[in-house]
Amino acid sequence: MRIELYGVLAELAGASALEMAPPAEEATVGAVLERLRRDHPALAEQLDASAVAIGDRLVSADTPVAADSRLALLPPVSGG
């Protein structure tokens, strides 16, 4: 599974993408985010405010994911 990181998430992880095996438990977006929180604690606070997309569609935490899924994590942006 490929996790693409943007903005502050990429900065905190030190990479624009992470590869990980899908969660052994329920394969949902929420399970993937929980594992990211555990494996990459620097991302935890930002993950709570980030949107998740699969393809060109924003998805919720209960959305199922497959082993070959590509998730994009989109942190909130601000500007002025």
Protein backbone atom coordinates (compact mmCIF):
# COMPACT_ATOMS: atom_id res chain seq x y z
CA MET A 1 0.00 0.00 0.00
CA ARG A 2 1.36 3.43 -0.91
CA ILE A 3 0.68 6.42 1.32
CA GLU A 4 1.36 9.76 -0.39
CA LEU A 5 2.09 12.66 1.95
CA TYR A 6 1.71 16.34 1.16
CA GLY A 7 2.63 19.61 2.84
CA VAL A 8 3.51 19.47 6.51
CA LEU A 9 2.96 15.69 6.58
CA ALA A 10 5.77 15.15 4.06
CA GLU A 11 8.00 17.50 6.05
CA LEU A 12 7.33 15.68 9.33
CA ALA A 13 7.87 12.23 7.79
CA GLY A 14 10.93 13.30 5.82
CA ALA A 15 9.44 11.70 2.71
CA SER A 16 6.71 12.35 0.18
CA ALA A 17 5.47 8.74 0.34
CA LEU A 18 5.52 5.71 2.60
CA GLU A 19 5.05 2.05 1.69
CA MET A 20 3.31 -0.24 4.13
CA ALA A 21 1.56 -3.56 4.17
CA PRO A 22 -2.18 -3.24 4.66
CA PRO A 23 -3.34 -3.63 8.25
CA ALA A 24 -3.93 -7.21 9.34
CA GLU A 25 -7.07 -6.14 11.19
CA GLU A 26 -10.00 -4.58 9.36
CA ALA A 27 -8.53 -3.06 6.22
CA THR A 28 -10.05 0.42 6.43
CA VAL A 29 -8.71 3.93 6.10
CA GLY A 30 -9.13 4.31 9.87
CA ALA A 31 -6.94 1.25 10.53
CA VAL A 32 -4.26 2.62 8.21
CA LEU A 33 -4.33 6.00 9.98
CA GLU A 34 -4.10 4.31 13.39
CA ARG A 35 -1.07 2.36 12.25
CA LEU A 36 0.54 5.53 10.89
CA ARG A 37 -0.03 7.20 14.28
CA ARG A 38 1.69 4.29 16.00
CA ASP A 39 4.56 3.86 13.51
CA HIS A 40 5.15 7.59 12.83
CA PRO A 41 4.21 9.51 16.00
CA ALA A 42 5.40 12.82 14.52
CA LEU A 43 2.42 12.65 12.13
CA ALA A 44 -0.24 11.92 14.77
CA GLU A 45 -1.42 15.46 15.49
CA GLN A 46 -1.64 16.41 11.82
CA LEU A 47 -3.45 13.21 10.84
CA ASP A 48 -6.44 14.21 12.96
CA ALA A 49 -6.99 17.29 10.77
CA SER A 50 -6.04 15.76 7.40
CA ALA A 51 -8.30 14.56 4.61
CA VAL A 52 -7.73 11.21 2.94
CA ALA A 53 -8.25 10.52 -0.76
CA ILE A 54 -8.19 7.32 -2.74
CA GLY A 55 -7.85 8.23 -6.39
CA ASP A 56 -9.71 11.50 -6.89
CA ARG A 57 -12.29 10.87 -4.15
CA LEU A 58 -12.17 11.97 -0.53
CA VAL A 59 -12.99 9.05 1.73
CA SER A 60 -13.99 8.46 5.34
CA ALA A 61 -12.30 6.36 8.02
CA ASP A 62 -14.64 3.42 7.45
CA THR A 63 -13.78 3.13 3.75
CA PRO A 64 -12.27 -0.28 2.93
CA VAL A 65 -8.77 -0.36 1.45
CA ALA A 66 -7.03 -3.02 -0.62
CA ALA A 67 -3.38 -4.07 -0.50
CA ASP A 68 -2.72 -2.19 -3.75
CA SER A 69 -4.48 1.03 -2.66
CA ARG A 70 -2.82 4.43 -2.99
CA LEU A 71 -3.93 6.81 -0.26
CA ALA A 72 -3.18 10.51 -0.39
CA LEU A 73 -3.07 12.36 2.95
CA LEU A 74 -3.98 16.00 2.56
CA PRO A 75 -3.27 18.30 5.50
CA PRO A 76 -5.36 21.44 5.95
CA VAL A 77 -3.96 24.50 4.24
CA SER A 78 -4.13 28.13 5.19
CA GLY A 79 -3.35 31.22 3.28
CA GLY A 80 -4.23 34.77 2.97
